[in-house]
N, C-alpha and C. Protein backbone atom coordinates (compact mmCIF):
# COMPACT_ATOMS: atom_id res chain seq x y z
N MET A 1 0.93 -1.37 -0.10
CA MET A 1 0.14 -0.13 0.14
C MET A 1 0.94 1.30 -0.17
N THR A 2 0.73 1.90 -0.69
CA THR A 2 1.30 3.48 -0.63
C THR A 2 1.02 4.40 0.33
N ARG A 3 2.15 5.09 0.56
CA ARG A 3 1.84 6.06 1.46
C ARG A 3 0.93 7.42 0.94
N GLU A 4 -0.21 7.58 1.57
CA GLU A 4 -0.83 8.79 1.15
C GLU A 4 -1.07 9.87 2.05
N LEU A 5 -1.18 11.16 1.97
CA LEU A 5 -2.02 11.90 3.07
C LEU A 5 -3.16 11.74 3.45
N PHE A 6 -3.21 11.89 4.63
CA PHE A 6 -4.87 11.69 4.94
C PHE A 6 -5.69 12.86 4.77
N ASN A 7 -6.81 12.35 3.59
CA ASN A 7 -7.75 13.39 3.15
C ASN A 7 -9.28 13.20 3.94
N GLY A 8 -9.15 12.72 5.29
CA GLY A 8 -10.17 13.11 6.05
C GLY A 8 -11.01 11.78 5.87
N VAL A 9 -10.76 10.61 5.53
CA VAL A 9 -11.76 9.48 5.30
C VAL A 9 -10.43 8.62 5.57
N ALA A 10 -10.63 7.67 6.50
CA ALA A 10 -10.05 6.36 7.14
C ALA A 10 -10.64 5.62 6.87
N HIS A 11 -9.69 4.30 6.00
CA HIS A 11 -10.23 3.16 5.32
C HIS A 11 -10.52 2.07 6.48
N PRO A 12 -11.07 1.01 6.51
CA PRO A 12 -11.32 0.17 7.51
C PRO A 12 -9.90 -0.47 7.80
N GLU A 13 -8.80 -0.59 7.00
CA GLU A 13 -7.56 -1.03 7.59
C GLU A 13 -6.86 -0.21 8.59
N GLN A 14 -6.94 1.07 8.13
CA GLN A 14 -6.65 2.27 8.87
C GLN A 14 -6.95 2.40 10.14
N LEU A 15 -8.45 2.27 10.08
CA LEU A 15 -9.32 2.31 11.24
C LEU A 15 -9.03 1.40 12.45
N ARG A 16 -8.65 0.18 11.83
CA ARG A 16 -8.25 -0.99 12.64
C ARG A 16 -7.00 -0.81 13.33
N LEU A 17 -6.05 -0.52 12.43
CA LEU A 17 -4.78 -0.26 13.28
C LEU A 17 -4.47 1.09 14.46
N LEU A 18 -5.43 2.36 13.85
CA LEU A 18 -5.49 3.16 14.84
C LEU A 18 -6.10 2.48 16.21
N THR A 19 -7.04 1.76 15.89
CA THR A 19 -8.02 1.20 17.16
C THR A 19 -6.96 0.44 17.84
N GLU A 20 -6.20 -0.61 17.13
CA GLU A 20 -5.32 -1.40 17.95
C GLU A 20 -3.96 -0.59 18.75
N ALA A 21 -3.71 0.30 17.79
CA ALA A 21 -2.60 1.16 18.53
C ALA A 21 -3.14 1.80 20.01
N LEU A 22 -4.41 2.46 19.60
CA LEU A 22 -4.86 3.11 21.10
C LEU A 22 -5.23 1.95 22.27
N GLN A 23 -5.65 1.16 21.65
CA GLN A 23 -5.92 -0.06 22.95
C GLN A 23 -4.44 -0.29 23.18
N SER A 24 -3.68 -0.70 22.54
CA SER A 24 -2.43 -1.25 23.01
C SER A 24 -1.45 -0.11 23.70
N TYR A 25 -1.85 0.91 23.51
CA TYR A 25 -1.00 2.10 24.05
C TYR A 25 -1.30 2.18 25.50
N CYS A 26 -3.12 2.24 25.50
CA CYS A 26 -3.60 2.67 26.73
C CYS A 26 -3.61 1.68 27.90
N ALA A 27 -3.48 0.59 27.33
CA ALA A 27 -3.62 -0.94 28.27
C ALA A 27 -1.87 -0.93 29.08
N GLU A 28 -0.89 -0.83 28.17
CA GLU A 28 0.54 -0.69 28.78
C GLU A 28 0.81 0.50 29.55
N ALA A 29 0.33 1.73 29.11
CA ALA A 29 0.01 3.13 30.08
C ALA A 29 -0.59 3.19 31.29
N ARG A 30 -1.40 1.98 31.41
CA ARG A 30 -2.53 1.78 32.21
C ARG A 30 -3.50 2.88 32.33
N ILE A 31 -4.06 3.21 30.94
CA ILE A 31 -4.94 4.29 30.80
C ILE A 31 -6.63 3.95 30.43
N ASP A 32 -7.38 4.14 31.64
CA ASP A 32 -8.90 3.45 31.63
C ASP A 32 -9.61 3.98 30.30
N VAL A 33 -10.33 3.22 29.96
CA VAL A 33 -11.07 3.63 28.62
C VAL A 33 -12.37 4.78 29.33
N GLY A 34 -12.33 5.60 28.40
CA GLY A 34 -13.78 6.48 28.83
C GLY A 34 -13.16 7.67 29.87
N THR A 35 -11.65 7.69 29.87
CA THR A 35 -11.50 8.77 30.70
C THR A 35 -10.89 9.73 29.91
N ASP A 36 -10.66 11.15 30.58
CA ASP A 36 -10.19 12.13 29.38
C ASP A 36 -8.79 11.72 29.08
N GLU A 37 -7.91 11.23 29.67
CA GLU A 37 -6.48 11.03 29.20
C GLU A 37 -6.36 9.83 28.16
N TYR A 38 -7.74 9.02 28.21
CA TYR A 38 -7.75 8.21 27.11
C TYR A 38 -8.10 8.76 25.67
N ASP A 39 -9.35 9.63 25.76
CA ASP A 39 -9.57 10.60 24.88
C ASP A 39 -8.60 11.54 24.21
N ASN A 40 -7.69 11.74 24.85
CA ASN A 40 -6.40 12.86 24.82
C ASN A 40 -5.59 11.99 24.05
N VAL A 41 -5.59 10.75 24.30
CA VAL A 41 -4.32 9.69 23.56
C VAL A 41 -5.01 9.47 22.10
N ALA A 42 -6.35 9.31 22.48
CA ALA A 42 -7.07 8.92 20.63
C ALA A 42 -7.13 10.25 19.92
N HIS A 43 -7.15 11.15 20.35
CA HIS A 43 -6.98 12.67 19.38
C HIS A 43 -5.40 12.84 19.28
N LEU A 44 -4.55 12.54 20.13
CA LEU A 44 -3.09 12.54 19.67
C LEU A 44 -2.69 11.32 18.51
N ILE A 45 -3.49 10.32 18.64
CA ILE A 45 -3.08 9.32 17.43
C ILE A 45 -3.58 9.92 16.17
N MET A 46 -4.97 10.29 16.22
CA MET A 46 -5.49 10.82 15.02
C MET A 46 -4.69 12.01 14.50
N THR A 47 -4.10 12.82 15.46
CA THR A 47 -3.38 13.97 15.10
C THR A 47 -1.96 13.60 14.05
N LEU A 48 -1.37 12.57 14.93
CA LEU A 48 -0.05 12.12 14.61
C LEU A 48 -0.33 11.42 13.09
N PHE A 49 -1.37 10.58 13.27
CA PHE A 49 -1.90 9.94 11.66
C PHE A 49 -2.18 10.80 10.76
N MET A 50 -2.85 12.19 11.06
CA MET A 50 -3.03 12.89 9.71
C MET A 50 -1.79 13.87 9.69
N ASN A 51 -0.71 13.76 10.39
CA ASN A 51 0.65 14.43 9.74
C ASN A 51 1.42 13.41 9.37
N GLY A 52 1.14 12.21 9.25
CA GLY A 52 2.06 11.38 8.42
C GLY A 52 2.71 10.24 9.21
N ALA A 53 2.41 10.14 10.38
CA ALA A 53 2.84 8.58 11.43
C ALA A 53 1.92 7.42 10.39
N ALA A 54 2.56 6.59 9.78
CA ALA A 54 1.48 5.49 8.91
C ALA A 54 1.83 3.97 9.22
N THR A 55 2.85 4.06 10.33
CA THR A 55 3.24 2.53 10.63
C THR A 55 3.03 2.64 12.27
N PRO A 56 2.66 1.28 12.74
CA PRO A 56 2.87 1.04 14.13
C PRO A 56 3.68 1.21 14.69
N GLU A 57 5.07 1.32 14.05
CA GLU A 57 6.42 1.83 14.69
C GLU A 57 6.41 3.36 15.08
N GLU A 58 5.92 4.04 13.81
CA GLU A 58 5.97 5.52 13.49
C GLU A 58 4.88 6.03 14.89
N LEU A 59 3.77 5.57 14.71
CA LEU A 59 2.96 5.95 15.74
C LEU A 59 3.52 5.62 17.30
N PHE A 60 3.71 4.79 17.69
CA PHE A 60 4.23 4.11 19.12
C PHE A 60 5.32 5.18 19.31
N GLU A 61 6.61 5.23 18.48
CA GLU A 61 7.48 6.20 18.75
C GLU A 61 6.93 7.53 18.96
N ALA A 62 5.92 7.77 18.23
CA ALA A 62 5.57 9.63 18.32
C ALA A 62 4.92 9.50 19.49
N LEU A 63 3.96 8.66 19.75
CA LEU A 63 3.20 8.71 21.08
C LEU A 63 3.97 8.79 22.35
N GLY A 64 5.23 8.05 22.33
CA GLY A 64 5.83 7.93 23.38
C GLY A 64 6.64 9.18 23.64
N ARG A 65 7.19 9.92 22.59
CA ARG A 65 7.54 11.30 22.41
C ARG A 65 6.89 12.14 23.07
N GLN A 66 5.63 12.04 22.67
CA GLN A 66 4.34 13.46 22.70
C GLN A 66 3.79 13.12 24.44
N SER A 67 3.50 11.73 24.81
CA SER A 67 3.05 11.50 26.04
C SER A 67 3.68 11.10 27.39
N GLY A 68 4.92 11.09 26.85
CA GLY A 68 5.74 10.55 28.33
C GLY A 68 5.83 9.20 28.56
N HIS A 69 4.98 8.37 27.93
CA HIS A 69 4.81 7.04 28.18
C HIS A 69 5.31 6.15 27.00
N PRO A 70 6.29 6.04 26.80
CA PRO A 70 7.04 5.19 25.66
C PRO A 70 6.32 3.65 25.91
N MET A 71 6.46 3.06 24.84
CA MET A 71 5.76 1.74 24.78
C MET A 71 6.84 0.87 24.94
N SER A 72 6.70 -0.36 25.40
CA SER A 72 7.68 -1.70 25.62
C SER A 72 7.71 -2.03 24.03
N LYS A 73 8.89 -2.63 23.89
CA LYS A 73 9.11 -3.18 22.38
C LYS A 73 8.13 -4.57 22.45
N ALA A 74 7.68 -5.26 23.41
CA ALA A 74 6.70 -6.30 23.55
C ALA A 74 5.65 -5.94 22.97
N SER A 75 5.02 -4.82 23.68
CA SER A 75 3.56 -4.36 23.73
C SER A 75 3.60 -3.70 22.03
N GLU A 76 4.68 -3.09 21.65
CA GLU A 76 4.62 -2.63 19.79
C GLU A 76 4.41 -3.84 19.14
N ARG A 77 5.18 -5.06 19.39
CA ARG A 77 5.18 -6.00 18.65
C ARG A 77 3.51 -6.67 18.43
N SER A 78 3.46 -6.77 19.86
CA SER A 78 1.80 -7.36 19.87
C SER A 78 0.76 -6.69 19.42
N ALA A 79 0.95 -5.31 19.07
CA ALA A 79 -0.03 -4.36 18.26
C ALA A 79 -0.09 -4.08 17.04
N GLN A 80 1.40 -5.04 16.41
CA GLN A 80 1.63 -4.85 15.13
C GLN A 80 1.25 -6.04 14.32
N LYS A 81 0.06 -5.92 13.40
CA LYS A 81 -0.20 -7.28 12.58
C LYS A 81 -0.01 -6.58 11.10
N SER A 82 0.45 -5.72 11.00
CA SER A 82 1.01 -5.23 9.42
C SER A 82 1.98 -4.43 9.53
N GLU A 83 3.05 -4.63 8.59
CA GLU A 83 4.13 -4.02 8.29
C GLU A 83 3.86 -2.85 7.26
N ARG A 84 2.98 -2.96 7.18
CA ARG A 84 2.50 -1.74 5.98
C ARG A 84 2.16 -0.17 6.40
N PRO A 85 2.41 0.93 5.78
CA PRO A 85 1.91 1.85 6.25
C PRO A 85 0.34 1.84 6.35
N ILE A 86 -0.27 2.40 6.84
CA ILE A 86 -1.85 2.90 7.12
C ILE A 86 -2.20 3.74 6.41
N ALA A 87 -1.61 4.38 5.76
CA ALA A 87 -2.27 5.71 4.94
C ALA A 87 -2.64 5.19 3.46
């Protein structure tokens, strides 16, 4: 899949990967679903995606830098089902 700029529409594969990134990251950082912090991470993930983070590695690396909760390599690997860019 080629890397494309986000055009405001996320495809099913992109949504799956974004959801997995959110769930994996929040599980490791012990952020509960439904909290303001969870919503903030979801917003950050979408912002990173819209700005070009197109692989799980890019998302997790940027999340760690932005939020102060770096992901462990084990969690990063478990969240990755595809090495392809999601854009």
